[in-house]
Amino acid sequence: MDEQSEVKRRKGGRQALPDDLRRSIRREVWLSPLELADLKARASALGITPGEYMRRAITESPMPKPPVPQVNLVAWRELARLAANTNQYQHAVNNGSAHAWQPELIPDLLNAIREVRIALLGVASDSDREGAR
């Protein structure tokens, strides 16, 4: 190809950050083997790198939520079935075709199931947020 027929191509990848936001300064930190192991364990539990963990700790940025364990997801799905069955029973009580349970207990049961399901995902429930105020 000659110079005239060449088309100027843009660089691939992300656009460069402005100079004031670009991380261009490196600092070293001396850690004991125990401190390094603790740092790696904390970062790994949150699914981030040790460097990202230290940066968030220094800048007081919020840490990410830890990943939900697989066993909690399985239990969450199982409780969904229980909640659905309880809703169906509430519907039957409302229609007058079911009478085995005391109808006033069903909303409490549904609330308890909801609270356990929320806790399994590691999310603060409404009652937890109200208590923290």
N, C-alpha and C. Protein backbone atom coordinates (compact mmCIF):
# COMPACT_ATOMS: atom_id res chain seq x y z
N MET A 1 0.83 -1.19 0.00
CA MET A 1 0.00 0.00 0.00
C MET A 1 0.87 1.25 0.00
N ASP A 2 0.43 2.24 -0.71
CA ASP A 2 1.17 3.49 -0.67
C ASP A 2 0.61 4.37 0.45
N GLU A 3 1.30 5.45 0.75
CA GLU A 3 0.95 6.30 1.89
C GLU A 3 -0.42 6.95 1.72
N GLN A 4 -0.81 7.27 0.51
CA GLN A 4 -2.07 7.96 0.30
C GLN A 4 -3.27 7.04 0.52
N SER A 5 -3.12 5.76 0.25
CA SER A 5 -4.26 4.85 0.36
C SER A 5 -4.44 4.30 1.78
N GLU A 6 -3.43 4.54 2.60
CA GLU A 6 -3.56 4.05 3.98
C GLU A 6 -4.59 4.87 4.73
N VAL A 7 -5.44 4.17 5.44
CA VAL A 7 -6.45 4.84 6.25
C VAL A 7 -5.94 4.88 7.68
N LYS A 8 -6.05 6.04 8.28
CA LYS A 8 -5.58 6.16 9.66
C LYS A 8 -6.57 5.42 10.56
N ARG A 9 -6.07 4.46 11.30
CA ARG A 9 -6.90 3.66 12.18
C ARG A 9 -6.81 4.17 13.60
N ARG A 10 -7.93 4.05 14.29
CA ARG A 10 -7.94 4.40 15.70
C ARG A 10 -7.37 3.25 16.50
N LYS A 11 -6.77 3.59 17.61
CA LYS A 11 -6.27 2.55 18.51
C LYS A 11 -7.44 1.77 19.07
N GLY A 12 -7.25 0.49 19.28
CA GLY A 12 -8.29 -0.33 19.89
C GLY A 12 -8.26 -0.19 21.39
N GLY A 13 -9.25 -0.72 22.03
CA GLY A 13 -9.29 -0.71 23.50
C GLY A 13 -10.02 0.49 24.05
N ARG A 14 -9.94 0.60 25.36
CA ARG A 14 -10.63 1.68 26.04
C ARG A 14 -9.94 3.01 25.78
N GLN A 15 -10.73 4.06 25.92
CA GLN A 15 -10.19 5.40 25.81
C GLN A 15 -9.35 5.69 27.05
N ALA A 16 -8.24 6.38 26.86
CA ALA A 16 -7.34 6.68 27.98
C ALA A 16 -8.03 7.61 28.98
N LEU A 17 -7.73 7.37 30.26
CA LEU A 17 -8.26 8.22 31.32
C LEU A 17 -7.52 9.56 31.32
N PRO A 18 -8.16 10.61 31.82
CA PRO A 18 -7.44 11.88 31.99
C PRO A 18 -6.28 11.68 32.97
N ASP A 19 -5.28 12.52 32.87
CA ASP A 19 -4.07 12.38 33.69
C ASP A 19 -4.36 12.37 35.19
N ASP A 20 -5.34 13.17 35.64
CA ASP A 20 -5.61 13.24 37.08
C ASP A 20 -6.30 11.98 37.60
N LEU A 21 -6.87 11.16 36.73
CA LEU A 21 -7.52 9.92 37.15
C LEU A 21 -6.67 8.67 36.86
N ARG A 22 -5.64 8.83 36.06
CA ARG A 22 -4.81 7.69 35.68
C ARG A 22 -3.93 7.28 36.86
N ARG A 23 -3.89 6.00 37.13
CA ARG A 23 -3.05 5.49 38.23
C ARG A 23 -1.63 5.30 37.72
N SER A 24 -0.82 6.26 38.02
CA SER A 24 0.55 6.23 37.51
C SER A 24 1.60 6.20 38.62
N ILE A 25 1.16 6.23 39.86
CA ILE A 25 2.10 6.24 40.99
C ILE A 25 2.02 4.89 41.69
N ARG A 26 3.19 4.35 41.97
CA ARG A 26 3.26 3.05 42.63
C ARG A 26 3.98 3.20 43.96
N ARG A 27 3.40 2.61 44.99
CA ARG A 27 4.01 2.60 46.31
C ARG A 27 4.12 1.16 46.77
N GLU A 28 5.17 0.87 47.48
CA GLU A 28 5.35 -0.49 47.99
C GLU A 28 5.05 -0.50 49.48
N VAL A 29 4.53 -1.62 49.93
CA VAL A 29 4.18 -1.79 51.33
C VAL A 29 4.85 -3.08 51.81
N TRP A 30 5.47 -3.00 52.95
CA TRP A 30 6.09 -4.18 53.53
C TRP A 30 5.07 -4.87 54.43
N LEU A 31 4.86 -6.17 54.21
CA LEU A 31 3.91 -6.95 54.99
C LEU A 31 4.59 -8.19 55.54
N SER A 32 4.13 -8.63 56.67
CA SER A 32 4.59 -9.92 57.19
C SER A 32 3.88 -11.02 56.42
N PRO A 33 4.36 -12.25 56.48
CA PRO A 33 3.66 -13.35 55.81
C PRO A 33 2.21 -13.49 56.28
N LEU A 34 1.97 -13.28 57.58
CA LEU A 34 0.60 -13.36 58.10
C LEU A 34 -0.28 -12.24 57.56
N GLU A 35 0.27 -11.04 57.48
CA GLU A 35 -0.50 -9.92 56.95
C GLU A 35 -0.83 -10.13 55.47
N LEU A 36 0.14 -10.64 54.72
CA LEU A 36 -0.10 -10.91 53.30
C LEU A 36 -1.16 -11.99 53.13
N ALA A 37 -1.09 -13.04 53.93
CA ALA A 37 -2.09 -14.10 53.85
C ALA A 37 -3.47 -13.56 54.20
N ASP A 38 -3.54 -12.69 55.20
CA ASP A 38 -4.82 -12.09 55.59
C ASP A 38 -5.35 -11.20 54.47
N LEU A 39 -4.49 -10.40 53.87
CA LEU A 39 -4.89 -9.53 52.76
C LEU A 39 -5.43 -10.35 51.60
N LYS A 40 -4.71 -11.40 51.23
CA LYS A 40 -5.15 -12.24 50.11
C LYS A 40 -6.47 -12.94 50.42
N ALA A 41 -6.63 -13.40 51.65
CA ALA A 41 -7.87 -14.08 52.04
C ALA A 41 -9.06 -13.12 52.00
N ARG A 42 -8.87 -11.90 52.52
CA ARG A 42 -9.95 -10.91 52.51
C ARG A 42 -10.34 -10.53 51.09
N ALA A 43 -9.34 -10.31 50.25
CA ALA A 43 -9.60 -9.94 48.85
C ALA A 43 -10.28 -11.08 48.11
N SER A 44 -9.79 -12.28 48.31
CA SER A 44 -10.36 -13.45 47.64
C SER A 44 -11.81 -13.67 48.05
N ALA A 45 -12.12 -13.46 49.32
CA ALA A 45 -13.49 -13.64 49.81
C ALA A 45 -14.45 -12.68 49.12
N LEU A 46 -13.96 -11.53 48.68
CA LEU A 46 -14.80 -10.55 48.01
C LEU A 46 -14.70 -10.64 46.49
N GLY A 47 -13.81 -11.51 46.00
CA GLY A 47 -13.66 -11.69 44.56
C GLY A 47 -12.90 -10.55 43.89
N ILE A 48 -12.01 -9.91 44.62
CA ILE A 48 -11.20 -8.83 44.04
C ILE A 48 -9.73 -9.11 44.30
N THR A 49 -8.86 -8.35 43.65
CA THR A 49 -7.42 -8.53 43.84
C THR A 49 -6.98 -7.86 45.13
N PRO A 50 -5.82 -8.28 45.68
CA PRO A 50 -5.31 -7.61 46.87
C PRO A 50 -5.08 -6.11 46.65
N GLY A 51 -4.60 -5.74 45.47
CA GLY A 51 -4.38 -4.32 45.17
C GLY A 51 -5.69 -3.53 45.19
N GLU A 52 -6.74 -4.11 44.61
CA GLU A 52 -8.05 -3.45 44.62
C GLU A 52 -8.57 -3.34 46.04
N TYR A 53 -8.35 -4.38 46.84
CA TYR A 53 -8.79 -4.36 48.25
C TYR A 53 -8.10 -3.21 48.99
N MET A 54 -6.77 -3.10 48.83
CA MET A 54 -6.03 -2.04 49.52
C MET A 54 -6.48 -0.66 49.03
N ARG A 55 -6.69 -0.51 47.73
CA ARG A 55 -7.12 0.78 47.19
C ARG A 55 -8.48 1.19 47.76
N ARG A 56 -9.41 0.24 47.83
CA ARG A 56 -10.73 0.56 48.38
C ARG A 56 -10.64 0.88 49.87
N ALA A 57 -9.77 0.16 50.60
CA ALA A 57 -9.62 0.42 52.03
C ALA A 57 -9.03 1.82 52.26
N ILE A 58 -8.05 2.20 51.48
CA ILE A 58 -7.40 3.50 51.64
C ILE A 58 -8.35 4.64 51.28
N THR A 59 -9.09 4.48 50.20
CA THR A 59 -9.98 5.55 49.74
C THR A 59 -11.35 5.48 50.40
N GLU A 60 -11.54 4.51 51.29
CA GLU A 60 -12.80 4.31 51.98
C GLU A 60 -13.96 4.09 51.01
N SER A 61 -13.65 3.49 49.86
CA SER A 61 -14.69 3.11 48.90
C SER A 61 -15.40 1.87 49.42
N PRO A 62 -16.66 1.71 49.08
CA PRO A 62 -17.37 0.52 49.58
C PRO A 62 -16.78 -0.76 49.00
N MET A 63 -16.67 -1.74 49.85
CA MET A 63 -16.20 -3.05 49.40
C MET A 63 -17.36 -3.77 48.70
N PRO A 64 -17.04 -4.59 47.71
CA PRO A 64 -18.11 -5.34 47.05
C PRO A 64 -18.70 -6.37 47.99
N LYS A 65 -19.92 -6.77 47.71
CA LYS A 65 -20.55 -7.83 48.49
C LYS A 65 -19.85 -9.14 48.16
N PRO A 66 -19.63 -10.00 49.16
CA PRO A 66 -19.01 -11.30 48.87
C PRO A 66 -19.97 -12.14 48.03
N PRO A 67 -19.43 -13.02 47.19
CA PRO A 67 -20.30 -13.88 46.38
C PRO A 67 -21.14 -14.79 47.28
N VAL A 68 -22.34 -15.10 46.82
CA VAL A 68 -23.26 -15.95 47.58
C VAL A 68 -22.82 -17.41 47.40
N PRO A 69 -22.63 -18.14 48.51
CA PRO A 69 -22.24 -19.55 48.39
C PRO A 69 -23.30 -20.37 47.65
N GLN A 70 -22.87 -21.37 46.93
CA GLN A 70 -23.77 -22.22 46.14
C GLN A 70 -24.83 -22.88 47.03
N VAL A 71 -24.45 -23.31 48.22
CA VAL A 71 -25.41 -23.97 49.11
C VAL A 71 -26.54 -23.01 49.48
N ASN A 72 -26.22 -21.71 49.62
CA ASN A 72 -27.26 -20.74 49.93
C ASN A 72 -28.22 -20.57 48.75
N LEU A 73 -27.69 -20.62 47.53
CA LEU A 73 -28.56 -20.49 46.36
C LEU A 73 -29.51 -21.68 46.25
N VAL A 74 -29.01 -22.87 46.57
CA VAL A 74 -29.86 -24.07 46.53
C VAL A 74 -30.97 -23.93 47.57
N ALA A 75 -30.62 -23.52 48.78
CA ALA A 75 -31.62 -23.35 49.84
C ALA A 75 -32.61 -22.24 49.47
N TRP A 76 -32.14 -21.19 48.83
CA TRP A 76 -33.00 -20.09 48.40
C TRP A 76 -34.06 -20.60 47.42
N ARG A 77 -33.62 -21.45 46.46
CA ARG A 77 -34.56 -22.03 45.49
C ARG A 77 -35.58 -22.94 46.17
N GLU A 78 -35.13 -23.73 47.11
CA GLU A 78 -36.04 -24.63 47.83
C GLU A 78 -37.08 -23.83 48.61
N LEU A 79 -36.66 -22.76 49.23
CA LEU A 79 -37.60 -21.93 49.98
C LEU A 79 -38.59 -21.22 49.05
N ALA A 80 -38.19 -21.01 47.80
CA ALA A 80 -39.13 -20.41 46.84
C ALA A 80 -40.33 -21.33 46.64
N ARG A 81 -40.08 -22.63 46.60
CA ARG A 81 -41.19 -23.59 46.46
C ARG A 81 -42.11 -23.53 47.68
N LEU A 82 -41.51 -23.47 48.86
CA LEU A 82 -42.31 -23.38 50.08
C LEU A 82 -43.15 -22.10 50.09
N ALA A 83 -42.56 -21.00 49.68
CA ALA A 83 -43.30 -19.74 49.62
C ALA A 83 -44.45 -19.83 48.62
N ALA A 84 -44.20 -20.44 47.47
CA ALA A 84 -45.26 -20.59 46.46
C ALA A 84 -46.40 -21.46 47.00
N ASN A 85 -46.06 -22.55 47.65
CA ASN A 85 -47.10 -23.42 48.22
C ASN A 85 -47.89 -22.69 49.30
N THR A 86 -47.22 -21.90 50.11
CA THR A 86 -47.90 -21.14 51.15
C THR A 86 -48.83 -20.09 50.53
N ASN A 87 -48.38 -19.45 49.47
CA ASN A 87 -49.24 -18.50 48.76
C ASN A 87 -50.49 -19.19 48.20
N GLN A 88 -50.30 -20.38 47.66
CA GLN A 88 -51.44 -21.14 47.12
C GLN A 88 -52.41 -21.49 48.25
N TYR A 89 -51.88 -21.86 49.39
CA TYR A 89 -52.74 -22.19 50.52
C TYR A 89 -53.49 -20.94 50.99
N GLN A 90 -52.81 -19.81 51.03
CA GLN A 90 -53.47 -18.55 51.41
C GLN A 90 -54.61 -18.25 50.44
N HIS A 91 -54.38 -18.49 49.16
CA HIS A 91 -55.42 -18.28 48.15
C HIS A 91 -56.61 -19.21 48.42
N ALA A 92 -56.32 -20.46 48.75
CA ALA A 92 -57.40 -21.42 49.04
C ALA A 92 -58.17 -20.99 50.29
N VAL A 93 -57.48 -20.48 51.30
CA VAL A 93 -58.15 -19.99 52.51
C VAL A 93 -59.06 -18.82 52.15
N ASN A 94 -58.54 -17.91 51.31
CA ASN A 94 -59.33 -16.74 50.92
C ASN A 94 -60.57 -17.14 50.12
N ASN A 95 -60.48 -18.23 49.34
CA ASN A 95 -61.62 -18.73 48.57
C ASN A 95 -62.60 -19.53 49.41
N GLY A 96 -62.17 -19.89 50.62
CA GLY A 96 -63.04 -20.67 51.50
C GLY A 96 -62.94 -22.16 51.28
N SER A 97 -61.95 -22.61 50.50
CA SER A 97 -61.83 -24.05 50.23
C SER A 97 -60.81 -24.74 51.14
N ALA A 98 -60.12 -24.02 52.02
CA ALA A 98 -59.16 -24.62 52.95
C ALA A 98 -59.40 -24.05 54.35
N HIS A 99 -59.28 -24.93 55.34
CA HIS A 99 -59.58 -24.49 56.71
C HIS A 99 -58.63 -25.11 57.75
N ALA A 100 -57.60 -25.83 57.33
CA ALA A 100 -56.75 -26.57 58.26
C ALA A 100 -55.88 -25.64 59.12
N TRP A 101 -55.37 -24.56 58.55
CA TRP A 101 -54.52 -23.64 59.30
C TRP A 101 -55.30 -22.44 59.76
N GLN A 102 -54.75 -21.79 60.76
CA GLN A 102 -55.33 -20.51 61.16
C GLN A 102 -54.89 -19.46 60.14
N PRO A 103 -55.82 -18.81 59.48
CA PRO A 103 -55.47 -17.88 58.40
C PRO A 103 -54.52 -16.75 58.82
N GLU A 104 -54.59 -16.34 60.07
CA GLU A 104 -53.73 -15.23 60.50
C GLU A 104 -52.26 -15.63 60.62
N LEU A 105 -51.95 -16.92 60.63
CA LEU A 105 -50.56 -17.38 60.71
C LEU A 105 -49.85 -17.35 59.36
N ILE A 106 -50.60 -17.40 58.28
CA ILE A 106 -49.97 -17.50 56.96
C ILE A 106 -49.13 -16.26 56.61
N PRO A 107 -49.60 -15.03 56.84
CA PRO A 107 -48.72 -13.88 56.55
C PRO A 107 -47.42 -13.91 57.37
N ASP A 108 -47.51 -14.37 58.63
CA ASP A 108 -46.29 -14.47 59.44
C ASP A 108 -45.33 -15.51 58.85
N LEU A 109 -45.89 -16.63 58.38
CA LEU A 109 -45.05 -17.66 57.76
C LEU A 109 -44.40 -17.12 56.50
N LEU A 110 -45.16 -16.43 55.67
CA LEU A 110 -44.59 -15.85 54.44
C LEU A 110 -43.51 -14.83 54.76
N ASN A 111 -43.71 -14.02 55.77
CA ASN A 111 -42.68 -13.05 56.16
C ASN A 111 -41.41 -13.74 56.66
N ALA A 112 -41.59 -14.83 57.43
CA ALA A 112 -40.43 -15.58 57.93
C ALA A 112 -39.66 -16.20 56.77
N ILE A 113 -40.37 -16.75 55.80
CA ILE A 113 -39.70 -17.34 54.62
C ILE A 113 -38.94 -16.26 53.87
N ARG A 114 -39.58 -15.11 53.69
CA ARG A 114 -38.94 -14.00 52.97
C ARG A 114 -37.67 -13.56 53.69
N GLU A 115 -37.72 -13.44 55.01
CA GLU A 115 -36.54 -13.02 55.79
C GLU A 115 -35.39 -14.02 55.65
N VAL A 116 -35.71 -15.32 55.71
CA VAL A 116 -34.66 -16.33 55.59
C VAL A 116 -34.05 -16.30 54.18
N ARG A 117 -34.90 -16.15 53.16
CA ARG A 117 -34.40 -16.10 51.79
C ARG A 117 -33.48 -14.89 51.59
N ILE A 118 -33.85 -13.75 52.15
CA ILE A 118 -33.02 -12.55 52.03
C ILE A 118 -31.69 -12.77 52.75
N ALA A 119 -31.74 -13.37 53.93
CA ALA A 119 -30.51 -13.63 54.69
C ALA A 119 -29.58 -14.57 53.94
N LEU A 120 -30.14 -15.54 53.23
CA LEU A 120 -29.31 -16.48 52.47
C LEU A 120 -28.51 -15.78 51.37
N LEU A 121 -29.04 -14.68 50.86
CA LEU A 121 -28.33 -13.94 49.82
C LEU A 121 -27.38 -12.90 50.39
N GLY A 122 -27.37 -12.75 51.73
CA GLY A 122 -26.47 -11.79 52.35
C GLY A 122 -26.93 -10.35 52.19
N VAL A 123 -28.23 -10.16 52.01
CA VAL A 123 -28.79 -8.82 51.84
C VAL A 123 -29.48 -8.43 53.14
N ALA A 124 -29.33 -7.18 53.55
CA ALA A 124 -29.99 -6.71 54.76
C ALA A 124 -31.48 -6.60 54.50
N SER A 125 -32.28 -7.14 55.39
CA SER A 125 -33.73 -7.07 55.25
C SER A 125 -34.23 -5.72 55.71
N ASP A 126 -35.50 -5.44 55.45
CA ASP A 126 -36.10 -4.17 55.87
C ASP A 126 -36.03 -4.00 57.38
N SER A 127 -36.30 -5.09 58.13
CA SER A 127 -36.27 -5.00 59.59
C SER A 127 -34.84 -4.75 60.10
N ASP A 128 -33.83 -5.31 59.41
CA ASP A 128 -32.44 -5.06 59.79
C ASP A 128 -32.08 -3.59 59.57
N ARG A 129 -32.55 -3.02 58.45
CA ARG A 129 -32.27 -1.62 58.16
C ARG A 129 -32.93 -0.70 59.15
N GLU A 130 -34.16 -1.03 59.56
CA GLU A 130 -34.88 -0.21 60.54
C GLU A 130 -34.19 -0.26 61.89
N GLY A 131 -33.67 -1.43 62.28
CA GLY A 131 -32.97 -1.56 63.55
C GLY A 131 -31.67 -0.82 63.58
N ALA A 132 -31.04 -0.62 62.41
CA ALA A 132 -29.76 0.06 62.35
C ALA A 132 -29.92 1.58 62.42
N ARG A 133 -31.13 2.07 62.24
CA ARG A 133 -31.35 3.53 62.25
C ARG A 133 -31.34 4.09 63.62
